[in-house]
């Protein structure tokens, strides 16, 4: 017995494509969240970009590298901020 082929509306496909483009989430993450195969979503995304004239310009290699660097820096700064908040709370309690 074979599983029935699932059908998705064009609105659903477009919504997933817009989510990938606007949030810059990985295709795999969005596909998993909505129960769709990553390759299927990748195909939908290619068709969406062709139909909409590539509304979002792809980043160059140097821009991607810079973006990754900035994301890593933001992550480190947030971790440092969280640590400093905990340390200040600790020392505030200790002085009482």
Protein backbone atom coordinates (compact mmCIF):
# COMPACT_ATOMS: atom_id res chain seq x y z
CA UNK A 1 0.00 0.00 0.00
CA UNK A 2 1.44 3.37 -0.99
CA UNK A 3 0.87 6.66 0.74
CA UNK A 4 -1.33 9.17 -1.04
CA UNK A 5 0.51 12.10 -2.55
CA UNK A 6 -0.04 15.29 -0.58
CA UNK A 7 -1.11 18.44 -2.39
CA UNK A 8 -0.37 21.95 -1.23
CA UNK A 9 -2.03 25.18 -2.29
CA UNK A 10 -0.03 27.80 -4.12
CA UNK A 11 -0.67 30.23 -1.24
CA UNK A 12 0.92 27.77 1.20
CA UNK A 13 3.95 27.34 -1.07
CA UNK A 14 4.34 31.09 -1.51
CA UNK A 15 4.04 31.70 2.24
CA UNK A 16 6.84 29.22 2.98
CA UNK A 17 9.01 30.79 0.28
CA UNK A 18 8.43 34.28 1.71
CA UNK A 19 9.34 33.00 5.17
CA UNK A 20 12.63 31.59 3.92
CA UNK A 21 13.45 34.80 2.06
CA UNK A 22 12.42 37.37 4.68
CA UNK A 23 13.71 35.62 7.80
CA UNK A 24 16.84 34.12 6.21
CA UNK A 25 16.07 30.87 8.00
CA UNK A 26 17.63 27.76 6.50
CA UNK A 27 15.38 25.90 4.08
CA UNK A 28 15.71 22.75 6.17
CA UNK A 29 14.42 24.47 9.33
CA UNK A 30 11.35 25.93 7.61
CA UNK A 31 10.63 22.66 5.81
CA UNK A 32 10.84 20.66 9.03
CA UNK A 33 8.61 23.12 10.88
CA UNK A 34 5.85 22.71 8.28
CA UNK A 35 6.29 19.00 7.57
CA UNK A 36 7.57 19.43 4.02
CA UNK A 37 10.69 17.91 2.50
CA UNK A 38 13.66 20.27 2.19
CA UNK A 39 14.17 19.46 -1.48
CA UNK A 40 10.51 20.10 -2.17
CA UNK A 41 10.73 23.50 -0.52
CA UNK A 42 13.94 24.24 -2.41
CA UNK A 43 12.13 23.51 -5.70
CA UNK A 44 9.22 25.74 -4.68
CA UNK A 45 11.67 28.49 -3.76
CA UNK A 46 13.41 28.31 -7.15
CA UNK A 47 10.06 28.56 -8.93
CA UNK A 48 8.96 31.40 -6.64
CA UNK A 49 12.11 33.38 -7.39
CA UNK A 50 11.70 32.82 -11.13
CA UNK A 51 8.05 33.91 -11.03
CA UNK A 52 8.74 37.01 -8.96
CA UNK A 53 11.83 38.13 -10.82
CA UNK A 54 14.17 37.34 -7.94
CA UNK A 55 12.77 40.07 -5.70
CA UNK A 56 15.47 39.38 -3.15
CA UNK A 57 19.02 39.86 -4.36
CA UNK A 58 21.31 37.03 -3.36
CA UNK A 59 24.21 37.97 -1.14
CA UNK A 60 27.70 37.82 -2.51
CA UNK A 61 30.28 35.54 -0.93
CA UNK A 62 31.91 38.44 0.91
CA UNK A 63 28.53 39.69 2.16
CA UNK A 64 27.65 36.22 3.44
CA UNK A 65 31.00 35.98 5.22
CA UNK A 66 30.49 39.41 6.80
CA UNK A 67 26.96 38.49 7.84
CA UNK A 68 28.18 35.28 9.50
CA UNK A 69 30.90 37.23 11.29
CA UNK A 70 28.40 39.79 12.58
CA UNK A 71 25.95 37.09 13.68
CA UNK A 72 28.75 35.36 15.62
CA UNK A 73 29.73 38.66 17.22
CA UNK A 74 26.12 39.36 18.26
CA UNK A 75 25.91 35.89 19.79
CA UNK A 76 29.13 36.45 21.78
CA UNK A 77 28.01 39.89 22.98
CA UNK A 78 24.66 38.54 24.13
CA UNK A 79 26.43 35.77 26.05
CA UNK A 80 28.75 38.32 27.68
CA UNK A 81 25.79 40.53 28.61
CA UNK A 82 23.96 37.60 30.19
CA UNK A 83 27.08 36.68 32.17
CA UNK A 84 27.58 40.24 33.40
CA UNK A 85 23.94 40.48 34.49
CA UNK A 86 24.31 37.29 36.52
CA UNK A 87 27.60 38.47 38.02
CA UNK A 88 26.17 41.83 39.02
CA UNK A 89 23.16 40.14 40.62
CA UNK A 90 25.48 37.81 42.52
CA UNK A 91 27.65 40.62 43.86
CA UNK A 92 24.60 42.73 44.72
CA UNK A 93 23.29 39.86 46.88
CA UNK A 94 26.70 39.36 48.46
CA UNK A 95 26.92 42.97 49.66
CA UNK A 96 23.70 42.74 51.64
